Amino acid sequence: MNNWKFIAGFIGVFAIYEILVVLMWIGLKWMISPFVPAKVKLAIGVVLFIAANFSIVAYMLRLGAPWVNYGNVWYFYFLNGAVIGVILFVVKLLLKIFKLNLSQEISLSITTLYLLGMTALGLFWAYSPTVINKTIKVDKHLDKPVKIAMVSDLHLGTFFSNPQLEKLNKIVDEEKPDAVVIAGDLMDDDMVIPTLTLSGTRKP
């Protein structure tokens, strides 16, 4: 019985997802219609459908990393595409109140700039670790303050490996902590665990 519930739930979620993909394609086709011929639109639609389902198929076929992770990149653009789609839809409705139209050219330009900006911002956040300092008081006696460096969300795998670990190593060494704690979302792949030098000691 539980298996049937899981299958029914999966089919339901998958159906909703595919409907959203189709709606996204309808919006994109509307924006690019003045600029590309029918054959090119068809090719873009096929590529969009393949990208939307690539990671799902890769996961079902147990292809593993890096194929599943390559497919997962799509979801970044899917979510941001949904956000900009809703924004443009609301703007279009508001402009209708004033008897104005949101042209395809402007919609495509806004969408392109938004996705490029989010891509740049996402890459910056992903590859630029941020140091946040917090002071925590405890009800225990300590001979001296203890400085703990906690790092998280490394997501080691296809897109993050030794170069990012070396950058982290430098940041941690500069902070000179008494201890290092690695928490949460350590790896994305079934890759071999890399090594990192922290304060002169090799750590897995």
N, C-alpha and C. Protein backbone atom coordinates (compact mmCIF):
# COMPACT_ATOMS: atom_id res chain seq x y z
N MET A 1 0.83 -1.21 0.00
CA MET A 1 0.00 0.00 0.00
C MET A 1 0.86 1.26 0.00
N ASN A 2 1.91 1.25 0.82
CA ASN A 2 2.80 2.40 0.89
C ASN A 2 3.48 2.65 -0.44
N ASN A 3 3.83 1.55 -1.16
CA ASN A 3 4.46 1.71 -2.46
C ASN A 3 3.53 2.41 -3.44
N TRP A 4 2.23 2.05 -3.40
CA TRP A 4 1.28 2.68 -4.29
C TRP A 4 1.12 4.16 -3.97
N LYS A 5 1.14 4.50 -2.70
CA LYS A 5 1.06 5.91 -2.31
C LYS A 5 2.26 6.68 -2.83
N PHE A 6 3.43 6.06 -2.71
CA PHE A 6 4.64 6.72 -3.19
C PHE A 6 4.58 6.92 -4.70
N ILE A 7 4.16 5.87 -5.42
CA ILE A 7 4.08 5.95 -6.88
C ILE A 7 3.06 7.01 -7.31
N ALA A 8 1.90 7.01 -6.63
CA ALA A 8 0.87 7.99 -6.96
C ALA A 8 1.36 9.41 -6.68
N GLY A 9 2.04 9.58 -5.56
CA GLY A 9 2.60 10.89 -5.22
C GLY A 9 3.63 11.34 -6.23
N PHE A 10 4.50 10.41 -6.63
CA PHE A 10 5.55 10.73 -7.62
C PHE A 10 4.92 11.14 -8.95
N ILE A 11 3.92 10.38 -9.39
CA ILE A 11 3.27 10.69 -10.67
C ILE A 11 2.58 12.05 -10.59
N GLY A 12 1.95 12.35 -9.44
CA GLY A 12 1.29 13.63 -9.27
C GLY A 12 2.26 14.79 -9.34
N VAL A 13 3.36 14.67 -8.60
CA VAL A 13 4.37 15.74 -8.59
C VAL A 13 5.01 15.88 -9.97
N PHE A 14 5.28 14.75 -10.61
CA PHE A 14 5.88 14.77 -11.95
C PHE A 14 4.95 15.45 -12.96
N ALA A 15 3.65 15.15 -12.86
CA ALA A 15 2.68 15.76 -13.77
C ALA A 15 2.62 17.27 -13.59
N ILE A 16 2.59 17.72 -12.32
CA ILE A 16 2.57 19.17 -12.05
C ILE A 16 3.84 19.82 -12.58
N TYR A 17 4.97 19.15 -12.36
CA TYR A 17 6.25 19.68 -12.85
C TYR A 17 6.24 19.83 -14.37
N GLU A 18 5.74 18.81 -15.08
CA GLU A 18 5.72 18.87 -16.54
C GLU A 18 4.77 19.97 -17.03
N ILE A 19 3.67 20.18 -16.32
CA ILE A 19 2.75 21.27 -16.68
C ILE A 19 3.45 22.61 -16.54
N LEU A 20 4.22 22.77 -15.46
CA LEU A 20 4.97 24.02 -15.27
C LEU A 20 6.02 24.21 -16.35
N VAL A 21 6.65 23.12 -16.77
CA VAL A 21 7.64 23.21 -17.85
C VAL A 21 6.96 23.65 -19.14
N VAL A 22 5.80 23.08 -19.43
CA VAL A 22 5.05 23.46 -20.63
C VAL A 22 4.66 24.94 -20.58
N LEU A 23 4.18 25.39 -19.41
CA LEU A 23 3.82 26.81 -19.26
C LEU A 23 5.05 27.70 -19.47
N MET A 24 6.18 27.26 -18.96
CA MET A 24 7.41 28.03 -19.15
C MET A 24 7.77 28.10 -20.63
N TRP A 25 7.60 26.97 -21.33
CA TRP A 25 7.89 26.94 -22.77
C TRP A 25 6.95 27.86 -23.54
N ILE A 26 5.67 27.88 -23.16
CA ILE A 26 4.70 28.77 -23.83
C ILE A 26 5.12 30.23 -23.68
N GLY A 27 5.55 30.59 -22.46
CA GLY A 27 6.01 31.96 -22.23
C GLY A 27 7.26 32.28 -23.03
N LEU A 28 8.21 31.34 -23.04
CA LEU A 28 9.45 31.56 -23.79
C LEU A 28 9.17 31.65 -25.28
N LYS A 29 8.29 30.78 -25.79
CA LYS A 29 7.96 30.79 -27.21
C LYS A 29 7.33 32.12 -27.60
N TRP A 30 6.48 32.65 -26.72
CA TRP A 30 5.86 33.95 -26.98
C TRP A 30 6.91 35.05 -27.08
N MET A 31 7.93 34.99 -26.21
CA MET A 31 8.95 36.03 -26.21
C MET A 31 9.86 35.97 -27.43
N ILE A 32 10.20 34.77 -27.87
CA ILE A 32 11.18 34.65 -28.96
C ILE A 32 10.53 34.59 -30.35
N SER A 33 9.20 34.53 -30.41
CA SER A 33 8.51 34.38 -31.70
C SER A 33 8.89 35.42 -32.75
N PRO A 34 9.04 36.71 -32.39
CA PRO A 34 9.38 37.69 -33.43
C PRO A 34 10.81 37.56 -33.97
N PHE A 35 11.64 36.78 -33.29
CA PHE A 35 13.06 36.79 -33.63
C PHE A 35 13.58 35.50 -34.24
N VAL A 36 12.88 34.39 -34.09
CA VAL A 36 13.39 33.11 -34.58
C VAL A 36 12.34 32.41 -35.44
N PRO A 37 12.77 31.66 -36.46
CA PRO A 37 11.82 30.92 -37.30
C PRO A 37 11.25 29.71 -36.56
N ALA A 38 10.24 29.10 -37.16
CA ALA A 38 9.51 28.00 -36.52
C ALA A 38 10.42 26.82 -36.22
N LYS A 39 11.34 26.47 -37.12
CA LYS A 39 12.22 25.32 -36.91
C LYS A 39 13.15 25.54 -35.72
N VAL A 40 13.61 26.77 -35.58
CA VAL A 40 14.48 27.08 -34.44
C VAL A 40 13.69 27.02 -33.14
N LYS A 41 12.46 27.50 -33.16
CA LYS A 41 11.61 27.41 -31.96
C LYS A 41 11.38 25.96 -31.57
N LEU A 42 11.17 25.11 -32.57
CA LEU A 42 10.97 23.69 -32.30
C LEU A 42 12.22 23.09 -31.67
N ALA A 43 13.39 23.45 -32.21
CA ALA A 43 14.65 22.93 -31.66
C ALA A 43 14.85 23.40 -30.23
N ILE A 44 14.52 24.66 -29.95
CA ILE A 44 14.65 25.19 -28.60
C ILE A 44 13.70 24.45 -27.65
N GLY A 45 12.50 24.16 -28.13
CA GLY A 45 11.53 23.42 -27.32
C GLY A 45 12.02 22.02 -26.98
N VAL A 46 12.62 21.34 -27.95
CA VAL A 46 13.15 19.99 -27.72
C VAL A 46 14.28 20.04 -26.69
N VAL A 47 15.19 21.02 -26.85
CA VAL A 47 16.32 21.17 -25.92
C VAL A 47 15.80 21.47 -24.51
N LEU A 48 14.79 22.32 -24.43
CA LEU A 48 14.21 22.66 -23.13
C LEU A 48 13.62 21.43 -22.45
N PHE A 49 12.89 20.62 -23.21
CA PHE A 49 12.28 19.41 -22.65
C PHE A 49 13.35 18.42 -22.20
N ILE A 50 14.42 18.26 -22.99
CA ILE A 50 15.50 17.35 -22.62
C ILE A 50 16.18 17.83 -21.33
N ALA A 51 16.48 19.14 -21.27
CA ALA A 51 17.13 19.70 -20.08
C ALA A 51 16.25 19.54 -18.85
N ALA A 52 14.92 19.71 -19.03
CA ALA A 52 14.00 19.65 -17.90
C ALA A 52 13.90 18.25 -17.31
N ASN A 53 14.18 17.25 -18.12
CA ASN A 53 14.00 15.87 -17.66
C ASN A 53 15.31 15.08 -17.59
N PHE A 54 16.42 15.74 -17.88
CA PHE A 54 17.70 15.03 -17.96
C PHE A 54 18.09 14.40 -16.64
N SER A 55 18.04 15.19 -15.56
CA SER A 55 18.48 14.66 -14.27
C SER A 55 17.53 13.58 -13.75
N ILE A 56 16.23 13.70 -14.07
CA ILE A 56 15.26 12.69 -13.65
C ILE A 56 15.57 11.36 -14.31
N VAL A 57 15.80 11.40 -15.63
CA VAL A 57 16.14 10.18 -16.37
C VAL A 57 17.48 9.62 -15.90
N ALA A 58 18.46 10.51 -15.69
CA ALA A 58 19.79 10.07 -15.24
C ALA A 58 19.70 9.39 -13.88
N TYR A 59 18.84 9.93 -13.00
CA TYR A 59 18.67 9.35 -11.67
C TYR A 59 17.97 7.98 -11.77
N MET A 60 16.95 7.89 -12.62
CA MET A 60 16.22 6.63 -12.76
C MET A 60 17.10 5.55 -13.38
N LEU A 61 18.02 5.96 -14.26
CA LEU A 61 18.93 5.00 -14.89
C LEU A 61 20.16 4.74 -14.03
N ARG A 62 20.22 5.39 -12.87
CA ARG A 62 21.33 5.24 -11.93
C ARG A 62 22.68 5.57 -12.58
N LEU A 63 22.68 6.64 -13.37
CA LEU A 63 23.93 7.05 -14.02
C LEU A 63 24.89 7.67 -13.02
N GLY A 64 24.36 8.22 -11.94
CA GLY A 64 25.21 8.80 -10.90
C GLY A 64 25.88 10.09 -11.34
N ALA A 65 26.87 10.50 -10.55
CA ALA A 65 27.63 11.71 -10.88
C ALA A 65 28.59 11.39 -12.02
N PRO A 66 28.91 12.38 -12.88
CA PRO A 66 28.43 13.78 -12.80
C PRO A 66 27.14 14.05 -13.55
N TRP A 67 26.55 13.02 -14.19
CA TRP A 67 25.41 13.26 -15.08
C TRP A 67 24.22 13.84 -14.34
N VAL A 68 23.90 13.30 -13.18
CA VAL A 68 22.77 13.83 -12.42
C VAL A 68 23.02 15.29 -12.05
N ASN A 69 24.24 15.62 -11.65
CA ASN A 69 24.55 16.99 -11.27
C ASN A 69 24.49 17.95 -12.45
N TYR A 70 24.91 17.49 -13.63
CA TYR A 70 24.77 18.33 -14.82
C TYR A 70 23.30 18.66 -15.06
N GLY A 71 22.46 17.64 -14.91
CA GLY A 71 21.03 17.86 -15.09
C GLY A 71 20.44 18.77 -14.03
N ASN A 72 20.98 18.70 -12.82
CA ASN A 72 20.45 19.52 -11.73
C ASN A 72 20.65 21.01 -11.94
N VAL A 73 21.60 21.38 -12.80
CA VAL A 73 21.82 22.80 -13.10
C VAL A 73 20.53 23.41 -13.66
N TRP A 74 19.77 22.60 -14.37
CA TRP A 74 18.51 23.08 -14.95
C TRP A 74 17.58 23.68 -13.91
N TYR A 75 17.55 23.07 -12.72
CA TYR A 75 16.57 23.51 -11.71
C TYR A 75 16.85 24.93 -11.23
N PHE A 76 18.09 25.35 -11.30
CA PHE A 76 18.41 26.75 -10.98
C PHE A 76 17.68 27.67 -11.94
N TYR A 77 17.75 27.36 -13.23
CA TYR A 77 17.10 28.20 -14.24
C TYR A 77 15.58 27.99 -14.25
N PHE A 78 15.15 26.79 -13.89
CA PHE A 78 13.71 26.53 -13.80
C PHE A 78 13.08 27.40 -12.71
N LEU A 79 13.69 27.43 -11.52
CA LEU A 79 13.16 28.21 -10.41
C LEU A 79 13.21 29.70 -10.71
N ASN A 80 14.35 30.15 -11.23
CA ASN A 80 14.47 31.57 -11.55
C ASN A 80 13.60 31.95 -12.74
N GLY A 81 13.44 31.03 -13.68
CA GLY A 81 12.53 31.28 -14.78
C GLY A 81 11.09 31.42 -14.30
N ALA A 82 10.71 30.59 -13.32
CA ALA A 82 9.36 30.68 -12.74
C ALA A 82 9.18 32.02 -12.04
N VAL A 83 10.22 32.47 -11.33
CA VAL A 83 10.14 33.76 -10.61
C VAL A 83 9.94 34.91 -11.59
N ILE A 84 10.78 34.96 -12.62
CA ILE A 84 10.67 36.06 -13.58
C ILE A 84 9.37 35.95 -14.38
N GLY A 85 8.91 34.71 -14.61
CA GLY A 85 7.64 34.52 -15.31
C GLY A 85 6.47 35.10 -14.54
N VAL A 86 6.44 34.85 -13.23
CA VAL A 86 5.37 35.39 -12.38
C VAL A 86 5.45 36.91 -12.35
N ILE A 87 6.67 37.44 -12.23
CA ILE A 87 6.84 38.90 -12.20
C ILE A 87 6.32 39.53 -13.49
N LEU A 88 6.71 38.97 -14.63
CA LEU A 88 6.27 39.52 -15.91
C LEU A 88 4.76 39.41 -16.08
N PHE A 89 4.19 38.31 -15.58
CA PHE A 89 2.74 38.13 -15.67
C PHE A 89 2.01 39.19 -14.86
N VAL A 90 2.50 39.45 -13.65
CA VAL A 90 1.87 40.47 -12.80
C VAL A 90 2.02 41.86 -13.43
N VAL A 91 3.22 42.14 -13.96
CA VAL A 91 3.45 43.44 -14.62
C VAL A 91 2.53 43.60 -15.82
N LYS A 92 2.36 42.53 -16.58
CA LYS A 92 1.48 42.57 -17.75
C LYS A 92 0.04 42.88 -17.35
N LEU A 93 -0.44 42.27 -16.26
CA LEU A 93 -1.79 42.54 -15.78
C LEU A 93 -1.93 43.98 -15.29
N LEU A 94 -0.91 44.47 -14.59
CA LEU A 94 -0.95 45.86 -14.09
C LEU A 94 -0.95 46.86 -15.24
N LEU A 95 -0.15 46.57 -16.27
CA LEU A 95 -0.10 47.49 -17.41
C LEU A 95 -1.43 47.53 -18.16
N LYS A 96 -2.15 46.43 -18.15
CA LYS A 96 -3.45 46.40 -18.82
C LYS A 96 -4.43 47.37 -18.19
N ILE A 97 -4.26 47.61 -16.89
CA ILE A 97 -5.14 48.56 -16.20
C ILE A 97 -5.00 49.94 -16.83
N PHE A 98 -3.77 50.26 -17.25
CA PHE A 98 -3.49 51.56 -17.86
C PHE A 98 -3.50 51.47 -19.39
N LYS A 99 -4.04 50.36 -19.90
CA LYS A 99 -4.15 50.14 -21.35
C LYS A 99 -2.79 50.17 -22.04
N LEU A 100 -1.81 49.57 -21.38
CA LEU A 100 -0.47 49.46 -21.93
C LEU A 100 -0.13 47.99 -22.14
N ASN A 101 0.78 47.73 -23.05
CA ASN A 101 1.18 46.35 -23.34
C ASN A 101 2.64 46.12 -22.98
N LEU A 102 2.92 44.92 -22.51
CA LEU A 102 4.30 44.51 -22.26
C LEU A 102 4.77 43.75 -23.50
N SER A 103 5.66 44.38 -24.25
CA SER A 103 6.07 43.81 -25.53
C SER A 103 6.95 42.57 -25.35
N GLN A 104 7.02 41.77 -26.40
CA GLN A 104 7.86 40.58 -26.37
C GLN A 104 9.34 40.95 -26.25
N GLU A 105 9.72 42.03 -26.94
CA GLU A 105 11.12 42.46 -26.89
C GLU A 105 11.55 42.83 -25.48
N ILE A 106 10.71 43.63 -24.80
CA ILE A 106 11.04 44.04 -23.43
C ILE A 106 11.02 42.84 -22.49
N SER A 107 10.06 41.96 -22.66
CA SER A 107 9.97 40.77 -21.81
C SER A 107 11.20 39.89 -21.97
N LEU A 108 11.63 39.68 -23.21
CA LEU A 108 12.81 38.86 -23.47
C LEU A 108 14.06 39.51 -22.91
N SER A 109 14.17 40.83 -23.05
CA SER A 109 15.34 41.55 -22.52
C SER A 109 15.41 41.45 -21.01
N ILE A 110 14.25 41.66 -20.33
CA ILE A 110 14.22 41.58 -18.87
C ILE A 110 14.56 40.17 -18.40
N THR A 111 14.01 39.17 -19.07
CA THR A 111 14.27 37.78 -18.70
C THR A 111 15.74 37.43 -18.87
N THR A 112 16.32 37.85 -19.99
CA THR A 112 17.74 37.57 -20.26
C THR A 112 18.64 38.22 -19.22
N LEU A 113 18.39 39.50 -18.95
CA LEU A 113 19.21 40.21 -17.97
C LEU A 113 19.05 39.61 -16.58
N TYR A 114 17.83 39.22 -16.22
CA TYR A 114 17.58 38.63 -14.90
C TYR A 114 18.33 37.31 -14.76
N LEU A 115 18.23 36.44 -15.76
CA LEU A 115 18.89 35.13 -15.67
C LEU A 115 20.41 35.27 -15.69
N LEU A 116 20.93 36.19 -16.50
CA LEU A 116 22.37 36.42 -16.50
C LEU A 116 22.84 36.95 -15.15
N GLY A 117 22.05 37.88 -14.59
CA GLY A 117 22.40 38.45 -13.29
C GLY A 117 22.36 37.40 -12.18
N MET A 118 21.35 36.55 -12.18
CA MET A 118 21.23 35.51 -11.16
C MET A 118 22.34 34.46 -11.33
N THR A 119 22.71 34.18 -12.58
CA THR A 119 23.81 33.25 -12.82
C THR A 119 25.11 33.79 -12.24
N ALA A 120 25.40 35.07 -12.54
CA ALA A 120 26.62 35.71 -12.02
C ALA A 120 26.60 35.75 -10.50
N LEU A 121 25.45 36.10 -9.93
CA LEU A 121 25.34 36.18 -8.47
C LEU A 121 25.48 34.79 -7.84
N GLY A 122 24.86 33.79 -8.46
CA GLY A 122 24.96 32.43 -7.94
C GLY A 122 26.38 31.89 -7.97
N LEU A 123 27.09 32.16 -9.07
CA LEU A 123 28.48 31.72 -9.17
C LEU A 123 29.36 32.43 -8.15
N PHE A 124 29.09 33.72 -7.94
CA PHE A 124 29.86 34.48 -6.96
C PHE A 124 29.65 33.92 -5.56
N TRP A 125 28.39 33.69 -5.20
CA TRP A 125 28.09 33.14 -3.88
C TRP A 125 28.68 31.74 -3.71
N ALA A 126 28.60 30.94 -4.77
CA ALA A 126 29.07 29.56 -4.68
C ALA A 126 30.58 29.46 -4.53
N TYR A 127 31.30 30.34 -5.21
CA TYR A 127 32.76 30.23 -5.22
C TYR A 127 33.45 31.28 -4.36
N SER A 128 32.69 32.04 -3.58
CA SER A 128 33.28 33.06 -2.71
C SER A 128 32.79 32.84 -1.28
N PRO A 129 33.50 32.01 -0.51
CA PRO A 129 33.08 31.75 0.88
C PRO A 129 33.01 33.03 1.70
N THR A 130 32.01 33.09 2.56
CA THR A 130 31.80 34.27 3.40
C THR A 130 32.11 33.93 4.86
N VAL A 131 32.86 34.79 5.50
CA VAL A 131 33.20 34.60 6.91
C VAL A 131 32.25 35.43 7.76
N ILE A 132 31.53 34.78 8.67
CA ILE A 132 30.62 35.46 9.59
C ILE A 132 31.07 35.17 11.01
N ASN A 133 31.33 36.20 11.77
CA ASN A 133 31.80 36.04 13.14
C ASN A 133 30.64 36.16 14.13
N LYS A 134 30.55 35.19 15.03
CA LYS A 134 29.52 35.19 16.06
C LYS A 134 30.16 34.93 17.42
N THR A 135 29.70 35.63 18.45
CA THR A 135 30.17 35.40 19.81
C THR A 135 29.06 34.70 20.60
N ILE A 136 29.37 33.54 21.16
CA ILE A 136 28.40 32.76 21.91
C ILE A 136 28.87 32.61 23.35
N LYS A 137 28.03 32.97 24.30
CA LYS A 137 28.35 32.84 25.71
C LYS A 137 27.74 31.56 26.27
N VAL A 138 28.50 30.83 27.09
CA VAL A 138 28.03 29.57 27.67
C VAL A 138 28.12 29.65 29.19
N ASP A 139 27.33 28.81 29.85
CA ASP A 139 27.30 28.80 31.32
C ASP A 139 28.32 27.84 31.89
N LYS A 140 29.49 27.82 31.34
CA LYS A 140 30.57 26.96 31.82
C LYS A 140 31.85 27.77 31.93
N HIS A 141 32.67 27.36 32.88
CA HIS A 141 33.93 28.07 33.08
C HIS A 141 34.95 27.66 32.02
N LEU A 142 35.55 28.64 31.40
CA LEU A 142 36.61 28.40 30.43
C LEU A 142 37.83 29.22 30.83
N ASP A 143 38.99 28.60 30.77
CA ASP A 143 40.22 29.32 31.12
C ASP A 143 40.48 30.46 30.15
N LYS A 144 40.07 30.28 28.91
CA LYS A 144 40.23 31.33 27.91
C LYS A 144 39.16 31.12 26.83
N PRO A 145 38.86 32.15 26.07
CA PRO A 145 37.88 32.01 24.99
C PRO A 145 38.34 30.97 23.97
N VAL A 146 37.39 30.22 23.46
CA VAL A 146 37.68 29.20 22.44
C VAL A 146 37.14 29.68 21.10
N LYS A 147 38.00 29.67 20.12
CA LYS A 147 37.60 30.09 18.78
C LYS A 147 37.37 28.86 17.90
N ILE A 148 36.13 28.69 17.45
CA ILE A 148 35.77 27.53 16.64
C ILE A 148 35.38 27.99 15.24
N ALA A 149 35.98 27.38 14.24
CA ALA A 149 35.61 27.66 12.85
C ALA A 149 34.67 26.56 12.37
N MET A 150 33.46 26.95 11.98
CA MET A 150 32.52 25.98 11.44
C MET A 150 32.28 26.26 9.97
N VAL A 151 32.50 25.26 9.14
CA VAL A 151 32.26 25.40 7.70
C VAL A 151 31.13 24.45 7.32
N SER A 152 30.32 24.87 6.38
CA SER A 152 29.19 24.03 5.98
C SER A 152 28.87 24.22 4.51
N ASP A 153 28.01 23.35 4.00
CA ASP A 153 27.53 23.42 2.62
C ASP A 153 28.68 23.44 1.60
N LEU A 154 29.61 22.53 1.78
CA LEU A 154 30.74 22.43 0.84
C LEU A 154 30.28 21.86 -0.50
N HIS A 155 29.37 20.92 -0.48
CA HIS A 155 28.84 20.32 -1.71
C HIS A 155 29.96 19.86 -2.64
N LEU A 156 30.90 19.12 -2.10
CA LEU A 156 32.01 18.64 -2.90
C LEU A 156 31.51 17.66 -3.97
N GLY A 157 32.10 17.78 -5.15
CA GLY A 157 31.69 16.88 -6.22
C GLY A 157 32.03 17.44 -7.58
N THR A 158 31.06 17.40 -8.47
CA THR A 158 31.27 17.78 -9.86
C THR A 158 31.76 19.21 -10.00
N PHE A 159 31.18 20.13 -9.26
CA PHE A 159 31.47 21.55 -9.45
C PHE A 159 32.39 22.13 -8.39
N PHE A 160 32.61 21.41 -7.30
CA PHE A 160 33.45 21.92 -6.22
C PHE A 160 34.40 20.82 -5.77
N SER A 161 35.70 21.13 -5.83
CA SER A 161 36.68 20.11 -5.47
C SER A 161 37.89 20.76 -4.81
N ASN A 162 39.07 20.25 -5.10
CA ASN A 162 40.28 20.71 -4.40
C ASN A 162 40.58 22.21 -4.51
N PRO A 163 40.37 22.86 -5.67
CA PRO A 163 40.62 24.31 -5.71
C PRO A 163 39.80 25.07 -4.68
N GLN A 164 38.53 24.68 -4.51
CA GLN A 164 37.70 25.36 -3.51
C GLN A 164 38.13 25.00 -2.09
N LEU A 165 38.62 23.76 -1.91
CA LEU A 165 39.12 23.37 -0.60
C LEU A 165 40.38 24.15 -0.23
N GLU A 166 41.21 24.40 -1.22
CA GLU A 166 42.42 25.18 -0.95
C GLU A 166 42.07 26.61 -0.55
N LYS A 167 41.05 27.16 -1.19
CA LYS A 167 40.61 28.51 -0.82
C LYS A 167 40.07 28.51 0.61
N LEU A 168 39.31 27.47 0.94
CA LEU A 168 38.79 27.33 2.31
C LEU A 168 39.92 27.17 3.30
N ASN A 169 40.91 26.39 2.93
CA ASN A 169 42.09 26.17 3.78
C ASN A 169 42.75 27.50 4.14
N LYS A 170 42.90 28.36 3.14
CA LYS A 170 43.54 29.66 3.37
C LYS A 170 42.72 30.52 4.31
N ILE A 171 41.41 30.52 4.11
CA ILE A 171 40.53 31.33 4.96
C ILE A 171 40.57 30.85 6.41
N VAL A 172 40.52 29.52 6.59
CA VAL A 172 40.54 28.96 7.94
C VAL A 172 41.87 29.26 8.63
N ASP A 173 42.97 29.11 7.91
CA ASP A 173 44.28 29.40 8.49
C ASP A 173 44.40 30.86 8.92
N GLU A 174 43.83 31.75 8.13
CA GLU A 174 43.88 33.18 8.47
C GLU A 174 43.08 33.49 9.73
N GLU A 175 42.02 32.73 9.97
CA GLU A 175 41.19 32.94 11.16
C GLU A 175 41.83 32.38 12.43
N LYS A 176 42.79 31.43 12.27
CA LYS A 176 43.50 30.83 13.40
C LYS A 176 42.55 30.30 14.49
N PRO A 177 41.69 29.35 14.15
CA PRO A 177 40.76 28.81 15.16
C PRO A 177 41.43 27.78 16.05
N ASP A 178 40.81 27.51 17.20
CA ASP A 178 41.28 26.44 18.08
C ASP A 178 40.77 25.08 17.62
N ALA A 179 39.66 25.08 16.92
CA ALA A 179 39.09 23.83 16.41
C ALA A 179 38.29 24.13 15.15
N VAL A 180 38.14 23.11 14.31
CA VAL A 180 37.38 23.25 13.07
C VAL A 180 36.27 22.22 13.06
N VAL A 181 35.06 22.67 12.78
CA VAL A 181 33.89 21.78 12.68
C VAL A 181 33.35 21.87 11.27
N ILE A 182 33.19 20.71 10.63
CA ILE A 182 32.61 20.67 9.28
C ILE A 182 31.21 20.10 9.40
N ALA A 183 30.21 20.90 9.01
CA ALA A 183 28.82 20.50 9.21
C ALA A 183 28.02 20.60 7.92
N GLY A 184 27.19 19.63 7.71
CA GLY A 184 26.12 19.71 6.72
C GLY A 184 26.48 19.78 5.25
N ASP A 185 25.84 18.95 4.44
CA ASP A 185 25.97 18.98 2.98
C ASP A 185 27.44 18.95 2.55
N LEU A 186 28.12 17.93 2.99
CA LEU A 186 29.56 17.83 2.71
C LEU A 186 29.82 17.44 1.27
N MET A 187 29.08 16.44 0.76
CA MET A 187 29.36 15.95 -0.58
C MET A 187 28.08 15.80 -1.40
N ASP A 188 28.21 16.00 -2.71
CA ASP A 188 27.10 15.81 -3.62
C ASP A 188 27.25 14.54 -4.45
N ASP A 189 28.46 14.04 -4.58
CA ASP A 189 28.74 12.94 -5.49
C ASP A 189 29.17 11.68 -4.75
N ASP A 190 29.40 10.63 -5.54
CA ASP A 190 29.98 9.40 -5.01
C ASP A 190 31.47 9.38 -5.30
N MET A 191 32.06 10.57 -5.24
CA MET A 191 33.48 10.73 -5.56
C MET A 191 34.35 10.29 -4.39
N VAL A 192 35.66 10.16 -4.66
CA VAL A 192 36.62 9.87 -3.60
C VAL A 192 36.77 11.12 -2.74
N ILE A 193 36.74 10.94 -1.43
CA ILE A 193 36.82 12.08 -0.52
C ILE A 193 38.17 12.78 -0.70
N PRO A 194 38.16 14.09 -1.02
CA PRO A 194 39.42 14.81 -1.16
C PRO A 194 40.04 15.11 0.19
N THR A 195 41.28 15.55 0.20
CA THR A 195 41.95 15.91 1.45
C THR A 195 42.25 17.39 1.47
N LEU A 196 42.35 17.92 2.66
CA LEU A 196 42.55 19.35 2.86
C LEU A 196 43.53 19.57 4.00
N THR A 197 44.49 20.46 3.81
CA THR A 197 45.45 20.77 4.85
C THR A 197 44.89 21.88 5.73
N LEU A 198 44.67 21.59 7.01
CA LEU A 198 44.20 22.58 7.96
C LEU A 198 45.21 22.66 9.10
N SER A 199 45.83 23.81 9.23
CA SER A 199 46.81 24.05 10.30
C SER A 199 47.89 22.96 10.29
N GLY A 200 48.32 22.55 9.13
CA GLY A 200 49.43 21.62 9.02
C GLY A 200 49.07 20.17 9.17
N THR A 201 47.77 19.84 9.34
CA THR A 201 47.37 18.45 9.54
C THR A 201 46.48 18.02 8.40
N ARG A 202 46.74 16.83 7.84
CA ARG A 202 45.91 16.33 6.77
C ARG A 202 44.61 15.79 7.35
N LYS A 203 43.49 16.30 6.83
CA LYS A 203 42.18 15.88 7.32
C LYS A 203 41.36 15.33 6.15
N PRO A 204 40.58 14.25 6.36
CA PRO A 204 39.70 13.77 5.29
C PRO A 204 38.53 14.69 5.08
